[in-house]
Amino acid sequence: MKQVRIMLVALLVLLAFASTSFAAVNNKYFRADKQYFDIETGQYVVSGNIVINVENGFIAGEKAQVKLSTLEFWGTGGWLLKQYDVTFKGESAYVVFGKDIAMIEGGADFQRTGLQITSDKVDYNWKSKVAIFKGNVKVIQPGLAVVSSDSIKYNVETKEFVN
């Protein structure tokens, strides 16, 4: 009898999960066209018009995988962060929440009033607020010559370049 109860509970959980796994997610913090849990990889897979609302802005993209056990996020298909006066774009993003790091690759484009920085990739630490732009870096500021470099560090909070 106990095994039957366990099987019924397991079946109900699976049915509940299956009914929501193909439904669109839509609430005030998070929206996406599709989501499901991949049992083999232990990852949530989310796709289609993903929008994550954050304080004074949002993050948007097309496809993401999230592994809750390690607090890792992989986003592909183009990603955009808009918060306060900052806009950050890139083809793919990898974030480790427990380590406060984010890596954007496939052409990073950072913009804020009076400043644009483009590069092949960028590593960002949100504790220190320092972004390290790497590969084909270009710094564009109105009225100044374009600066090109292999690597540039920029503090997003203080709005200063770091040595």
C-alpha atoms as a PDB file:
ATOM      1  CA  MET A   1       0.000   0.000   0.000  1.00  0.00           C
ATOM      2  CA  LYS A   2       2.818   2.386   0.856  1.00  0.00           C
ATOM      3  CA  GLN A   3       4.467   1.743  -2.541  1.00  0.00           C
ATOM      4  CA  VAL A   4       1.188   2.536  -4.323  1.00  0.00           C
ATOM      5  CA  ARG A   5       0.947   5.880  -2.518  1.00  0.00           C
ATOM      6  CA  ILE A   6       4.538   6.732  -3.424  1.00  0.00           C
ATOM      7  CA  MET A   7       3.878   5.815  -7.067  1.00  0.00           C
ATOM      8  CA  LEU A   8       0.683   7.915  -7.137  1.00  0.00           C
ATOM      9  CA  VAL A   9       2.451  10.918  -5.639  1.00  0.00           C
ATOM     10  CA  ALA A  10       5.326  10.517  -8.103  1.00  0.00           C
ATOM     11  CA  LEU A  11       2.860  10.261 -10.997  1.00  0.00           C
ATOM     12  CA  LEU A  12       0.977  13.365  -9.853  1.00  0.00           C
ATOM     13  CA  VAL A  13       4.233  15.319  -9.575  1.00  0.00           C
ATOM     14  CA  LEU A  14       5.265  14.217 -13.065  1.00  0.00           C
ATOM     15  CA  LEU A  15       1.854  15.143 -14.504  1.00  0.00           C
ATOM     16  CA  ALA A  16       1.935  18.536 -12.804  1.00  0.00           C
ATOM     17  CA  PHE A  17       5.427  19.148 -14.110  1.00  0.00           C
ATOM     18  CA  ALA A  18       4.526  17.992 -17.633  1.00  0.00           C
ATOM     19  CA  SER A  19       1.510  20.287 -17.764  1.00  0.00           C
ATOM     20  CA  THR A  20       3.635  23.318 -16.895  1.00  0.00           C
ATOM     21  CA  SER A  21       6.764  22.397 -18.807  1.00  0.00           C
ATOM     22  CA  PHE A  22       5.264  23.391 -22.161  1.00  0.00           C
ATOM     23  CA  ALA A  23       3.402  26.434 -20.926  1.00  0.00           C
ATOM     24  CA  ALA A  24       4.640  29.962 -21.267  1.00  0.00           C
ATOM     25  CA  VAL A  25       6.038  31.531 -18.122  1.00  0.00           C
ATOM     26  CA  ASN A  26       4.682  34.986 -17.419  1.00  0.00           C
ATOM     27  CA  ASN A  27       4.839  36.978 -14.209  1.00  0.00           C
ATOM     28  CA  LYS A  28       6.094  40.395 -13.148  1.00  0.00           C
ATOM     29  CA  TYR A  29       9.710  39.199 -12.700  1.00  0.00           C
ATOM     30  CA  PHE A  30      10.174  36.665 -15.467  1.00  0.00           C
ATOM     31  CA  ARG A  31       8.660  35.896 -18.862  1.00  0.00           C
ATOM     32  CA  ALA A  32       9.471  33.278 -21.545  1.00  0.00           C
ATOM     33  CA  ASP A  33       7.664  31.397 -24.283  1.00  0.00           C
ATOM     34  CA  LYS A  34       8.806  27.899 -23.217  1.00  0.00           C
ATOM     35  CA  GLN A  35      10.504  26.139 -20.324  1.00  0.00           C
ATOM     36  CA  TYR A  36      11.266  22.585 -19.290  1.00  0.00           C
ATOM     37  CA  PHE A  37      13.475  20.641 -16.931  1.00  0.00           C
ATOM     38  CA  ASP A  38      16.030  18.312 -18.553  1.00  0.00           C
ATOM     39  CA  ILE A  39      16.293  15.380 -16.143  1.00  0.00           C
ATOM     40  CA  GLU A  40      19.475  14.021 -17.771  1.00  0.00           C
ATOM     41  CA  THR A  41      21.477  17.249 -17.337  1.00  0.00           C
ATOM     42  CA  GLY A  42      19.710  18.583 -14.243  1.00  0.00           C
ATOM     43  CA  GLN A  43      19.166  21.921 -15.981  1.00  0.00           C
ATOM     44  CA  TYR A  44      16.182  24.138 -16.638  1.00  0.00           C
ATOM     45  CA  VAL A  45      15.974  25.106 -20.300  1.00  0.00           C
ATOM     46  CA  VAL A  46      14.138  28.312 -21.148  1.00  0.00           C
ATOM     47  CA  SER A  47      13.580  29.779 -24.609  1.00  0.00           C
ATOM     48  CA  GLY A  48      11.763  32.401 -26.629  1.00  0.00           C
ATOM     49  CA  ASN A  49      11.419  36.075 -25.726  1.00  0.00           C
ATOM     50  CA  ILE A  50      12.987  35.717 -22.274  1.00  0.00           C
ATOM     51  CA  VAL A  51      12.680  38.840 -20.123  1.00  0.00           C
ATOM     52  CA  ILE A  52      13.936  39.020 -16.540  1.00  0.00           C
ATOM     53  CA  ASN A  53      12.961  42.201 -14.710  1.00  0.00           C
ATOM     54  CA  VAL A  54      15.619  43.616 -12.391  1.00  0.00           C
ATOM     55  CA  GLU A  55      15.778  46.781 -10.338  1.00  0.00           C
ATOM     56  CA  ASN A  56      15.428  49.745 -12.737  1.00  0.00           C
ATOM     57  CA  GLY A  57      15.858  47.597 -15.833  1.00  0.00           C
ATOM     58  CA  PHE A  58      15.669  44.201 -17.467  1.00  0.00           C
ATOM     59  CA  ILE A  59      17.668  41.363 -19.023  1.00  0.00           C
ATOM     60  CA  ALA A  60      16.423  39.907 -22.325  1.00  0.00           C
ATOM     61  CA  GLY A  61      17.497  36.982 -24.495  1.00  0.00           C
ATOM     62  CA  GLU A  62      16.467  34.015 -26.577  1.00  0.00           C
ATOM     63  CA  LYS A  63      17.706  30.805 -24.953  1.00  0.00           C
ATOM     64  CA  ALA A  64      19.084  29.901 -21.527  1.00  0.00           C
ATOM     65  CA  GLN A  65      20.038  26.934 -19.426  1.00  0.00           C
ATOM     66  CA  VAL A  66      20.168  27.179 -15.647  1.00  0.00           C
ATOM     67  CA  LYS A  67      21.735  24.645 -13.305  1.00  0.00           C
ATOM     68  CA  LEU A  68      20.364  25.354  -9.827  1.00  0.00           C
ATOM     69  CA  SER A  69      22.766  23.008  -8.020  1.00  0.00           C
ATOM     70  CA  THR A  70      25.777  25.122  -9.071  1.00  0.00           C
ATOM     71  CA  LEU A  71      23.966  28.444  -9.630  1.00  0.00           C
ATOM     72  CA  GLU A  72      25.248  28.612 -13.223  1.00  0.00           C
ATOM     73  CA  PHE A  73      23.507  30.295 -16.152  1.00  0.00           C
ATOM     74  CA  TRP A  74      24.310  29.894 -19.864  1.00  0.00           C
ATOM     75  CA  GLY A  75      22.543  32.205 -22.314  1.00  0.00           C
ATOM     76  CA  THR A  76      22.810  32.016 -26.110  1.00  0.00           C
ATOM     77  CA  GLY A  77      21.179  33.664 -29.094  1.00  0.00           C
ATOM     78  CA  GLY A  78      21.875  37.274 -28.108  1.00  0.00           C
ATOM     79  CA  TRP A  79      21.478  38.893 -24.696  1.00  0.00           C
ATOM     80  CA  LEU A  80      20.753  42.446 -23.552  1.00  0.00           C
ATOM     81  CA  LEU A  81      21.013  44.044 -20.107  1.00  0.00           C
ATOM     82  CA  LYS A  82      19.445  47.479 -19.637  1.00  0.00           C
ATOM     83  CA  GLN A  83      19.740  49.015 -16.181  1.00  0.00           C
ATOM     84  CA  TYR A  84      19.839  52.683 -15.186  1.00  0.00           C
ATOM     85  CA  ASP A  85      21.906  54.392 -17.938  1.00  0.00           C
ATOM     86  CA  VAL A  86      23.791  51.209 -18.908  1.00  0.00           C
ATOM     87  CA  THR A  87      23.105  48.971 -21.908  1.00  0.00           C
ATOM     88  CA  PHE A  88      25.130  45.781 -22.307  1.00  0.00           C
ATOM     89  CA  LYS A  89      24.786  43.462 -25.325  1.00  0.00           C
ATOM     90  CA  GLY A  90      26.478  40.207 -26.306  1.00  0.00           C
ATOM     91  CA  GLU A  91      25.885  37.011 -28.251  1.00  0.00           C
ATOM     92  CA  SER A  92      26.293  34.656 -25.277  1.00  0.00           C
ATOM     93  CA  ALA A  93      26.498  34.978 -21.510  1.00  0.00           C
ATOM     94  CA  TYR A  94      27.794  32.717 -18.740  1.00  0.00           C
ATOM     95  CA  VAL A  95      27.030  33.675 -15.135  1.00  0.00           C
ATOM     96  CA  VAL A  96      28.072  32.018 -11.858  1.00  0.00           C
ATOM     97  CA  PHE A  97      25.915  33.598  -9.172  1.00  0.00           C
ATOM     98  CA  GLY A  98      27.799  32.133  -6.214  1.00  0.00           C
ATOM     99  CA  LYS A  99      31.055  33.665  -7.476  1.00  0.00           C
ATOM    100  CA  ASP A 100      29.602  37.025  -8.613  1.00  0.00           C
ATOM    101  CA  ILE A 101      31.010  36.734 -12.128  1.00  0.00           C
ATOM    102  CA  ALA A 102      29.591  37.093 -15.602  1.00  0.00           C
ATOM    103  CA  MET A 103      31.280  36.508 -18.950  1.00  0.00           C
ATOM    104  CA  ILE A 104      29.910  37.801 -22.229  1.00  0.00           C
ATOM    105  CA  GLU A 105      31.313  36.588 -25.535  1.00  0.00           C
ATOM    106  CA  GLY A 106      30.579  36.932 -29.219  1.00  0.00           C
ATOM    107  CA  GLY A 107      30.926  40.667 -29.407  1.00  0.00           C
ATOM    108  CA  ALA A 108      30.343  42.689 -26.265  1.00  0.00           C
ATOM    109  CA  ASP A 109      28.834  46.163 -26.602  1.00  0.00           C
ATOM    110  CA  PHE A 110      28.689  48.352 -23.473  1.00  0.00           C
ATOM    111  CA  GLN A 111      26.994  51.759 -23.660  1.00  0.00           C
ATOM    112  CA  ARG A 112      26.143  54.524 -21.273  1.00  0.00           C
ATOM    113  CA  THR A 113      25.729  58.256 -21.736  1.00  0.00           C
ATOM    114  CA  GLY A 114      28.905  59.577 -23.383  1.00  0.00           C
ATOM    115  CA  LEU A 115      30.660  56.197 -23.623  1.00  0.00           C
ATOM    116  CA  GLN A 116      30.672  53.076 -25.783  1.00  0.00           C
ATOM    117  CA  ILE A 117      33.075  50.139 -25.335  1.00  0.00           C
ATOM    118  CA  THR A 118      33.089  47.229 -27.775  1.00  0.00           C
ATOM    119  CA  SER A 119      35.202  44.065 -27.577  1.00  0.00           C
ATOM    120  CA  ASP A 120      35.282  40.368 -28.417  1.00  0.00           C
ATOM    121  CA  LYS A 121      34.422  39.457 -24.824  1.00  0.00           C
ATOM    122  CA  VAL A 122      34.092  40.919 -21.351  1.00  0.00           C
ATOM    123  CA  ASP A 123      34.434  39.511 -17.832  1.00  0.00           C
ATOM    124  CA  TYR A 124      32.438  41.312 -15.146  1.00  0.00           C
ATOM    125  CA  ASN A 125      32.633  40.969 -11.363  1.00  0.00           C
ATOM    126  CA  TRP A 126      29.585  42.565  -9.767  1.00  0.00           C
ATOM    127  CA  LYS A 127      31.183  42.706  -6.309  1.00  0.00           C
ATOM    128  CA  SER A 128      34.086  44.870  -7.485  1.00  0.00           C
ATOM    129  CA  LYS A 129      31.970  46.396 -10.325  1.00  0.00           C
ATOM    130  CA  VAL A 130      34.971  46.015 -12.657  1.00  0.00           C
ATOM    131  CA  ALA A 131      34.485  44.943 -16.271  1.00  0.00           C
ATOM    132  CA  ILE A 132      37.529  43.653 -18.160  1.00  0.00           C
ATOM    133  CA  PHE A 133      37.059  44.042 -21.913  1.00  0.00           C
ATOM    134  CA  LYS A 134      39.290  41.744 -23.988  1.00  0.00           C
ATOM    135  CA  GLY A 135      40.144  41.424 -27.679  1.00  0.00           C
ATOM    136  CA  ASN A 136      39.676  44.167 -30.287  1.00  0.00           C
ATOM    137  CA  VAL A 137      38.643  46.693 -27.644  1.00  0.00           C
ATOM    138  CA  LYS A 138      37.432  50.074 -28.868  1.00  0.00           C
ATOM    139  CA  VAL A 139      36.508  52.960 -26.570  1.00  0.00           C
ATOM    140  CA  ILE A 140      34.343  55.610 -28.207  1.00  0.00           C
ATOM    141  CA  GLN A 141      33.613  58.927 -26.469  1.00  0.00           C
ATOM    142  CA  PRO A 142      32.158  62.042 -28.120  1.00  0.00           C
ATOM    143  CA  GLY A 143      34.848  64.622 -28.928  1.00  0.00           C
ATOM    144  CA  LEU A 144      37.748  62.211 -28.281  1.00  0.00           C
ATOM    145  CA  ALA A 145      39.750  59.965 -30.570  1.00  0.00           C
ATOM    146  CA  VAL A 146      38.740  56.299 -30.608  1.00  0.00           C
ATOM    147  CA  VAL A 147      41.016  54.278 -28.314  1.00  0.00           C
ATOM    148  CA  SER A 148      41.929  50.733 -29.389  1.00  0.00           C
ATOM    149  CA  SER A 149      43.525  48.131 -27.140  1.00  0.00           C
ATOM    150  CA  ASP A 150      43.773  44.394 -26.431  1.00  0.00           C
ATOM    151  CA  SER A 151      42.383  44.818 -22.901  1.00  0.00           C
ATOM    152  CA  ILE A 152      40.761  47.587 -20.852  1.00  0.00           C
ATOM    153  CA  LYS A 153      39.378  47.606 -17.293  1.00  0.00           C
ATOM    154  CA  TYR A 154      36.419  49.815 -16.445  1.00  0.00           C
ATOM    155  CA  ASN A 155      34.623  50.342 -13.118  1.00  0.00           C
ATOM    156  CA  VAL A 156      30.926  50.494 -13.980  1.00  0.00           C
ATOM    157  CA  GLU A 157      29.974  52.044 -10.623  1.00  0.00           C
ATOM    158  CA  THR A 158      32.589  54.829 -10.428  1.00  0.00           C
ATOM    159  CA  LYS A 159      32.563  55.350 -14.238  1.00  0.00           C
ATOM    160  CA  GLU A 160      36.379  55.258 -14.329  1.00  0.00           C
ATOM    161  CA  PHE A 161      38.974  53.298 -16.245  1.00  0.00           C
ATOM    162  CA  VAL A 162      41.154  51.162 -13.980  1.00  0.00           C
ATOM    163  CA  ASN A 163      44.879  50.341 -14.375  1.00  0.00           C
END
